[in-house]
Amino acid sequence: MKYNIFWMHILLMLAIPTVASAMTDLGQVGEVYPVVEPDVRVEMQQKAVEGWEKKKKEYLEKVRTYQPFDLYPLPRAKEERSFAVDMSYTLDQDVKDKDGKILYPQGYTFNPLDYMRLSIGLVVIDGSDPAQIRWFKQSPYSSNHRVKLLLSGGYAQPLIPELNRAVFYLNKDIAERLQLTAVPCVAVQKDRHMQVTEFLIEEER
């Protein structure tokens, strides 16, 4: 019995190195290819950059084509004309002080130009009309930054660097208050009223 156990130990000792050697190098069977799986961190960074570039492009396009919901469009003037606009205003309700005492009753009419002087004028053009843009550039108002430029059409953002000035939009309240009906036009204070002048632009041939 002891004899058999002894030889079993010998056989095991001889077999272990053989198995280890076999497991260490099995040789090359078939072609070997390198690991080409992309780095997850690199992929995430690339997707983040691509996503930002797409959002940035969409945002810039929205800024470029922005128009307010209350933009008030006006047609091109068919003739030159100038008219005065009475800026008198009638109160539709009582104006009271902090104690409830009536300062100005409903129905009271006053002209704000009796109490103030407008140092700026307004110029309104259709920003989608190249002829009106050229007209503005060639006019004396282009270099006068005390004149406020309003658009009845087109986009303000592209015109800001082109005209090198602030550009705003015309809304219904301003158009109706100044009785504007056509563009290009200019509105300036003259004594106790606003003087509005519409300009005729010749059609290009």
C-alpha atoms as a PDB file:
ATOM      1  CA  MET A   1       0.000   0.000   0.000  1.00  0.00           C
ATOM      2  CA  LYS A   2       2.799   2.392   0.959  1.00  0.00           C
ATOM      3  CA  TYR A   3       4.587   1.337  -2.237  1.00  0.00           C
ATOM      4  CA  ASN A   4       1.592   2.416  -4.410  1.00  0.00           C
ATOM      5  CA  ILE A   5       1.232   5.754  -2.637  1.00  0.00           C
ATOM      6  CA  PHE A   6       4.916   6.468  -3.190  1.00  0.00           C
ATOM      7  CA  TRP A   7       4.692   5.880  -6.935  1.00  0.00           C
ATOM      8  CA  MET A   8       1.504   7.957  -7.193  1.00  0.00           C
ATOM      9  CA  HIS A   9       3.349  10.908  -5.653  1.00  0.00           C
ATOM     10  CA  ILE A  10       6.200  10.454  -8.111  1.00  0.00           C
ATOM     11  CA  LEU A  11       3.789  10.359 -11.079  1.00  0.00           C
ATOM     12  CA  LEU A  12       1.973  13.495  -9.917  1.00  0.00           C
ATOM     13  CA  MET A  13       5.231  15.385  -9.495  1.00  0.00           C
ATOM     14  CA  LEU A  14       6.267  14.441 -13.012  1.00  0.00           C
ATOM     15  CA  ALA A  15       2.877  15.289 -14.523  1.00  0.00           C
ATOM     16  CA  ILE A  16       2.427  18.795 -13.015  1.00  0.00           C
ATOM     17  CA  PRO A  17       5.320  20.483 -14.906  1.00  0.00           C
ATOM     18  CA  THR A  18       4.104  18.900 -18.119  1.00  0.00           C
ATOM     19  CA  VAL A  19       0.581  20.296 -17.667  1.00  0.00           C
ATOM     20  CA  ALA A  20       1.885  23.740 -16.667  1.00  0.00           C
ATOM     21  CA  SER A  21       4.163  23.779 -19.674  1.00  0.00           C
ATOM     22  CA  ALA A  22       1.317  22.820 -21.959  1.00  0.00           C
ATOM     23  CA  MET A  23      -0.908  25.557 -20.502  1.00  0.00           C
ATOM     24  CA  THR A  24       1.845  28.203 -20.826  1.00  0.00           C
ATOM     25  CA  ASP A  25       2.325  28.018 -24.593  1.00  0.00           C
ATOM     26  CA  LEU A  26      -0.206  26.403 -26.843  1.00  0.00           C
ATOM     27  CA  GLY A  27       1.234  27.984 -29.952  1.00  0.00           C
ATOM     28  CA  GLN A  28      -0.642  30.114 -32.559  1.00  0.00           C
ATOM     29  CA  VAL A  29      -3.681  28.637 -34.202  1.00  0.00           C
ATOM     30  CA  GLY A  30      -5.154  30.813 -36.983  1.00  0.00           C
ATOM     31  CA  GLU A  31      -4.737  34.581 -37.442  1.00  0.00           C
ATOM     32  CA  VAL A  32      -4.480  36.946 -34.497  1.00  0.00           C
ATOM     33  CA  TYR A  33      -6.165  40.386 -34.624  1.00  0.00           C
ATOM     34  CA  PRO A  34      -5.528  43.437 -32.405  1.00  0.00           C
ATOM     35  CA  VAL A  35      -8.284  44.737 -30.090  1.00  0.00           C
ATOM     36  CA  VAL A  36     -10.078  47.535 -31.973  1.00  0.00           C
ATOM     37  CA  GLU A  37     -12.922  48.332 -29.566  1.00  0.00           C
ATOM     38  CA  PRO A  38     -13.099  52.187 -29.218  1.00  0.00           C
ATOM     39  CA  ASP A  39     -12.426  53.924 -25.919  1.00  0.00           C
ATOM     40  CA  VAL A  40     -15.770  54.713 -24.246  1.00  0.00           C
ATOM     41  CA  ARG A  41     -14.499  58.021 -22.862  1.00  0.00           C
ATOM     42  CA  VAL A  42     -13.309  59.147 -26.298  1.00  0.00           C
ATOM     43  CA  GLU A  43     -16.641  58.189 -27.820  1.00  0.00           C
ATOM     44  CA  MET A  44     -18.560  60.156 -25.178  1.00  0.00           C
ATOM     45  CA  GLN A  45     -16.363  63.214 -25.713  1.00  0.00           C
ATOM     46  CA  GLN A  46     -16.862  63.056 -29.474  1.00  0.00           C
ATOM     47  CA  LYS A  47     -20.632  62.744 -29.099  1.00  0.00           C
ATOM     48  CA  ALA A  48     -20.689  65.658 -26.658  1.00  0.00           C
ATOM     49  CA  VAL A  49     -18.761  67.850 -29.117  1.00  0.00           C
ATOM     50  CA  GLU A  50     -20.961  66.806 -32.028  1.00  0.00           C
ATOM     51  CA  GLY A  51     -24.097  67.467 -29.962  1.00  0.00           C
ATOM     52  CA  TRP A  52     -22.903  70.930 -28.911  1.00  0.00           C
ATOM     53  CA  GLU A  53     -21.937  71.878 -32.473  1.00  0.00           C
ATOM     54  CA  LYS A  54     -25.409  70.872 -33.681  1.00  0.00           C
ATOM     55  CA  LYS A  55     -27.162  72.803 -30.898  1.00  0.00           C
ATOM     56  CA  LYS A  56     -24.874  75.798 -31.451  1.00  0.00           C
ATOM     57  CA  LYS A  57     -25.720  75.827 -35.169  1.00  0.00           C
ATOM     58  CA  GLU A  58     -29.447  75.573 -34.442  1.00  0.00           C
ATOM     59  CA  TYR A  59     -29.224  78.352 -31.828  1.00  0.00           C
ATOM     60  CA  LEU A  60     -27.326  80.714 -34.143  1.00  0.00           C
ATOM     61  CA  GLU A  61     -29.883  80.091 -36.886  1.00  0.00           C
ATOM     62  CA  LYS A  62     -32.728  80.928 -34.488  1.00  0.00           C
ATOM     63  CA  VAL A  63     -30.967  84.151 -33.498  1.00  0.00           C
ATOM     64  CA  ARG A  64     -30.358  85.070 -37.130  1.00  0.00           C
ATOM     65  CA  THR A  65     -33.984  84.506 -38.149  1.00  0.00           C
ATOM     66  CA  TYR A  66     -35.638  85.853 -35.000  1.00  0.00           C
ATOM     67  CA  GLN A  67     -38.731  88.031 -35.401  1.00  0.00           C
ATOM     68  CA  PRO A  68     -41.092  89.108 -32.607  1.00  0.00           C
ATOM     69  CA  PHE A  69     -44.642  87.771 -32.713  1.00  0.00           C
ATOM     70  CA  ASP A  70     -46.025  91.321 -32.880  1.00  0.00           C
ATOM     71  CA  LEU A  71     -43.910  92.480 -35.821  1.00  0.00           C
ATOM     72  CA  TYR A  72     -45.985  94.997 -37.815  1.00  0.00           C
ATOM     73  CA  PRO A  73     -45.419  94.706 -41.590  1.00  0.00           C
ATOM     74  CA  LEU A  74     -45.840  97.718 -43.867  1.00  0.00           C
ATOM     75  CA  PRO A  75     -45.875  97.932 -47.690  1.00  0.00           C
ATOM     76  CA  ARG A  76     -43.426  99.969 -49.739  1.00  0.00           C
ATOM     77  CA  ALA A  77     -44.486 103.589 -50.246  1.00  0.00           C
ATOM     78  CA  LYS A  78     -46.115 104.298 -53.631  1.00  0.00           C
ATOM     79  CA  GLU A  79     -45.626 108.044 -53.365  1.00  0.00           C
ATOM     80  CA  GLU A  80     -43.763 110.623 -51.329  1.00  0.00           C
ATOM     81  CA  ARG A  81     -45.824 112.395 -48.729  1.00  0.00           C
ATOM     82  CA  SER A  82     -45.453 114.131 -45.386  1.00  0.00           C
ATOM     83  CA  PHE A  83     -48.060 114.628 -42.670  1.00  0.00           C
ATOM     84  CA  ALA A  84     -48.356 115.768 -39.072  1.00  0.00           C
ATOM     85  CA  VAL A  85     -49.512 113.464 -36.297  1.00  0.00           C
ATOM     86  CA  ASP A  86     -51.220 114.883 -33.232  1.00  0.00           C
ATOM     87  CA  MET A  87     -49.828 113.035 -30.212  1.00  0.00           C
ATOM     88  CA  SER A  88     -52.634 114.165 -27.853  1.00  0.00           C
ATOM     89  CA  TYR A  89     -53.852 111.404 -25.558  1.00  0.00           C
ATOM     90  CA  THR A  90     -57.143 111.049 -23.697  1.00  0.00           C
ATOM     91  CA  LEU A  91     -57.166 109.149 -20.400  1.00  0.00           C
ATOM     92  CA  ASP A  92     -59.477 106.141 -20.339  1.00  0.00           C
ATOM     93  CA  GLN A  93     -59.456 106.049 -16.527  1.00  0.00           C
ATOM     94  CA  ASP A  94     -58.759 108.289 -13.551  1.00  0.00           C
ATOM     95  CA  VAL A  95     -55.175 108.839 -12.503  1.00  0.00           C
ATOM     96  CA  LYS A  96     -54.934 108.875  -8.705  1.00  0.00           C
ATOM     97  CA  ASP A  97     -52.224 109.580  -6.183  1.00  0.00           C
ATOM     98  CA  LYS A  98     -51.190 107.208  -3.387  1.00  0.00           C
ATOM     99  CA  ASP A  99     -54.034 108.476  -1.182  1.00  0.00           C
ATOM    100  CA  GLY A 100     -56.691 107.834  -3.815  1.00  0.00           C
ATOM    101  CA  LYS A 101     -57.139 111.488  -4.732  1.00  0.00           C
ATOM    102  CA  ILE A 102     -57.847 112.069  -8.426  1.00  0.00           C
ATOM    103  CA  LEU A 103     -55.005 113.921 -10.115  1.00  0.00           C
ATOM    104  CA  TYR A 104     -56.310 113.631 -13.670  1.00  0.00           C
ATOM    105  CA  PRO A 105     -59.883 112.489 -14.359  1.00  0.00           C
ATOM    106  CA  GLN A 106     -60.995 110.057 -17.020  1.00  0.00           C
ATOM    107  CA  GLY A 107     -61.450 111.934 -20.292  1.00  0.00           C
ATOM    108  CA  TYR A 108     -58.606 114.369 -19.595  1.00  0.00           C
ATOM    109  CA  THR A 109     -56.690 115.112 -22.808  1.00  0.00           C
ATOM    110  CA  PHE A 110     -53.065 116.205 -22.960  1.00  0.00           C
ATOM    111  CA  ASN A 111     -50.200 116.326 -25.460  1.00  0.00           C
ATOM    112  CA  PRO A 112     -46.992 114.768 -24.054  1.00  0.00           C
ATOM    113  CA  LEU A 113     -44.944 116.859 -26.497  1.00  0.00           C
ATOM    114  CA  ASP A 114     -45.991 119.924 -24.482  1.00  0.00           C
ATOM    115  CA  TYR A 115     -43.869 118.573 -21.633  1.00  0.00           C
ATOM    116  CA  MET A 116     -40.996 116.839 -23.376  1.00  0.00           C
ATOM    117  CA  ARG A 117     -38.690 117.130 -26.335  1.00  0.00           C
ATOM    118  CA  LEU A 118     -37.714 114.023 -28.336  1.00  0.00           C
ATOM    119  CA  SER A 119     -34.050 114.272 -29.221  1.00  0.00           C
ATOM    120  CA  ILE A 120     -34.229 111.198 -31.422  1.00  0.00           C
ATOM    121  CA  GLY A 121     -36.146 110.344 -34.562  1.00  0.00           C
ATOM    122  CA  LEU A 122     -37.459 107.070 -35.935  1.00  0.00           C
ATOM    123  CA  VAL A 123     -36.657 105.513 -39.292  1.00  0.00           C
ATOM    124  CA  VAL A 124     -38.662 102.497 -40.439  1.00  0.00           C
ATOM    125  CA  ILE A 125     -37.669 100.248 -43.341  1.00  0.00           C
ATOM    126  CA  ASP A 126     -38.439  96.736 -44.536  1.00  0.00           C
ATOM    127  CA  GLY A 127     -35.259  94.804 -43.807  1.00  0.00           C
ATOM    128  CA  SER A 128     -36.145  92.158 -46.390  1.00  0.00           C
ATOM    129  CA  ASP A 129     -36.062  94.764 -49.193  1.00  0.00           C
ATOM    130  CA  PRO A 130     -32.471  95.317 -50.477  1.00  0.00           C
ATOM    131  CA  ALA A 131     -33.534  98.613 -52.092  1.00  0.00           C
ATOM    132  CA  GLN A 132     -34.665 100.021 -48.752  1.00  0.00           C
ATOM    133  CA  ILE A 133     -31.449  98.911 -47.077  1.00  0.00           C
ATOM    134  CA  ARG A 134     -29.439 100.711 -49.766  1.00  0.00           C
ATOM    135  CA  TRP A 135     -31.679 103.767 -49.356  1.00  0.00           C
ATOM    136  CA  PHE A 136     -30.951 103.843 -45.645  1.00  0.00           C
ATOM    137  CA  LYS A 137     -27.188 103.468 -46.169  1.00  0.00           C
ATOM    138  CA  GLN A 138     -27.187 106.428 -48.569  1.00  0.00           C
ATOM    139  CA  SER A 139     -29.409 108.581 -46.359  1.00  0.00           C
ATOM    140  CA  PRO A 140     -28.125 111.063 -43.725  1.00  0.00           C
ATOM    141  CA  TYR A 141     -29.841 108.931 -41.082  1.00  0.00           C
ATOM    142  CA  SER A 142     -27.323 106.113 -41.547  1.00  0.00           C
ATOM    143  CA  SER A 143     -24.532 107.990 -39.769  1.00  0.00           C
ATOM    144  CA  ASN A 144     -26.834 109.575 -37.196  1.00  0.00           C
ATOM    145  CA  HIS A 145     -26.951 107.228 -34.232  1.00  0.00           C
ATOM    146  CA  ARG A 146     -29.503 109.397 -32.478  1.00  0.00           C
ATOM    147  CA  VAL A 147     -31.970 108.004 -34.989  1.00  0.00           C
ATOM    148  CA  LYS A 148     -33.616 104.727 -33.978  1.00  0.00           C
ATOM    149  CA  LEU A 149     -33.920 102.209 -36.813  1.00  0.00           C
ATOM    150  CA  LEU A 150     -36.984  99.947 -36.833  1.00  0.00           C
ATOM    151  CA  LEU A 151     -37.806  97.063 -39.160  1.00  0.00           C
ATOM    152  CA  SER A 152     -41.256  96.256 -40.483  1.00  0.00           C
ATOM    153  CA  GLY A 153     -39.878  93.104 -42.107  1.00  0.00           C
ATOM    154  CA  GLY A 154     -36.678  91.099 -42.452  1.00  0.00           C
ATOM    155  CA  TYR A 155     -34.222  90.157 -39.727  1.00  0.00           C
ATOM    156  CA  ALA A 156     -32.382  92.509 -37.391  1.00  0.00           C
ATOM    157  CA  GLN A 157     -29.413  90.318 -36.449  1.00  0.00           C
ATOM    158  CA  PRO A 158     -27.697  90.197 -39.894  1.00  0.00           C
ATOM    159  CA  LEU A 159     -28.211  93.948 -40.348  1.00  0.00           C
ATOM    160  CA  ILE A 160     -26.551  94.965 -37.069  1.00  0.00           C
ATOM    161  CA  PRO A 161     -22.949  94.351 -38.278  1.00  0.00           C
ATOM    162  CA  GLU A 162     -23.791  95.431 -41.831  1.00  0.00           C
ATOM    163  CA  LEU A 163     -25.161  98.813 -40.737  1.00  0.00           C
ATOM    164  CA  ASN A 164     -22.950  99.085 -37.646  1.00  0.00           C
ATOM    165  CA  ARG A 165     -25.824 100.144 -35.410  1.00  0.00           C
ATOM    166  CA  ALA A 166     -28.600  98.835 -33.187  1.00  0.00           C
ATOM    167  CA  VAL A 167     -31.666  97.571 -35.033  1.00  0.00           C
ATOM    168  CA  PHE A 168     -35.153  97.125 -33.570  1.00  0.00           C
ATOM    169  CA  TYR A 169     -38.568  95.901 -34.716  1.00  0.00           C
ATOM    170  CA  LEU A 170     -41.729  97.857 -35.400  1.00  0.00           C
ATOM    171  CA  ASN A 171     -44.788  96.821 -33.408  1.00  0.00           C
ATOM    172  CA  LYS A 172     -48.466  97.643 -33.753  1.00  0.00           C
ATOM    173  CA  ASP A 173     -48.585 100.206 -30.941  1.00  0.00           C
ATOM    174  CA  ILE A 174     -45.880 102.399 -32.477  1.00  0.00           C
ATOM    175  CA  ALA A 175     -47.233 102.017 -36.013  1.00  0.00           C
ATOM    176  CA  GLU A 176     -50.776 102.981 -35.031  1.00  0.00           C
ATOM    177  CA  ARG A 177     -49.716 105.782 -32.686  1.00  0.00           C
ATOM    178  CA  LEU A 178     -47.654 107.410 -35.452  1.00  0.00           C
ATOM    179  CA  GLN A 179     -50.187 106.484 -38.171  1.00  0.00           C
ATOM    180  CA  LEU A 180     -47.503 104.735 -40.212  1.00  0.00           C
ATOM    181  CA  THR A 181     -48.811 103.188 -43.439  1.00  0.00           C
ATOM    182  CA  ALA A 182     -45.772 102.694 -45.700  1.00  0.00           C
ATOM    183  CA  VAL A 183     -41.981 102.377 -45.693  1.00  0.00           C
ATOM    184  CA  PRO A 184     -39.359 103.698 -45.803  1.00  0.00           C
ATOM    185  CA  CYS A 185     -40.482 106.490 -43.532  1.00  0.00           C
ATOM    186  CA  VAL A 186     -39.097 108.883 -40.963  1.00  0.00           C
ATOM    187  CA  ALA A 187     -40.821 110.338 -37.886  1.00  0.00           C
ATOM    188  CA  VAL A 188     -39.382 113.342 -36.026  1.00  0.00           C
ATOM    189  CA  GLN A 189     -40.791 115.828 -33.567  1.00  0.00           C
ATOM    190  CA  LYS A 190     -41.779 119.202 -34.973  1.00  0.00           C
ATOM    191  CA  ASP A 191     -43.103 121.608 -32.386  1.00  0.00           C
ATOM    192  CA  ARG A 192     -46.187 120.020 -30.754  1.00  0.00           C
ATOM    193  CA  HIS A 193     -46.594 117.135 -33.217  1.00  0.00           C
ATOM    194  CA  MET A 194     -44.677 114.349 -34.946  1.00  0.00           C
ATOM    195  CA  GLN A 195     -43.862 114.841 -38.593  1.00  0.00           C
ATOM    196  CA  VAL A 196     -43.961 111.634 -40.630  1.00  0.00           C
ATOM    197  CA  THR A 197     -42.431 111.491 -44.111  1.00  0.00           C
ATOM    198  CA  GLU A 198     -42.768 108.534 -46.486  1.00  0.00           C
ATOM    199  CA  PHE A 199     -40.190 108.165 -49.261  1.00  0.00           C
ATOM    200  CA  LEU A 200     -40.692 106.766 -52.740  1.00  0.00           C
ATOM    201  CA  ILE A 201     -37.978 104.430 -53.915  1.00  0.00           C
ATOM    202  CA  GLU A 202     -37.700 104.043 -57.660  1.00  0.00           C
ATOM    203  CA  GLU A 203     -38.017 100.487 -58.956  1.00  0.00           C
ATOM    204  CA  GLU A 204     -34.718  99.029 -60.153  1.00  0.00           C
ATOM    205  CA  ARG A 205     -34.389  98.445 -63.879  1.00  0.00           C
END
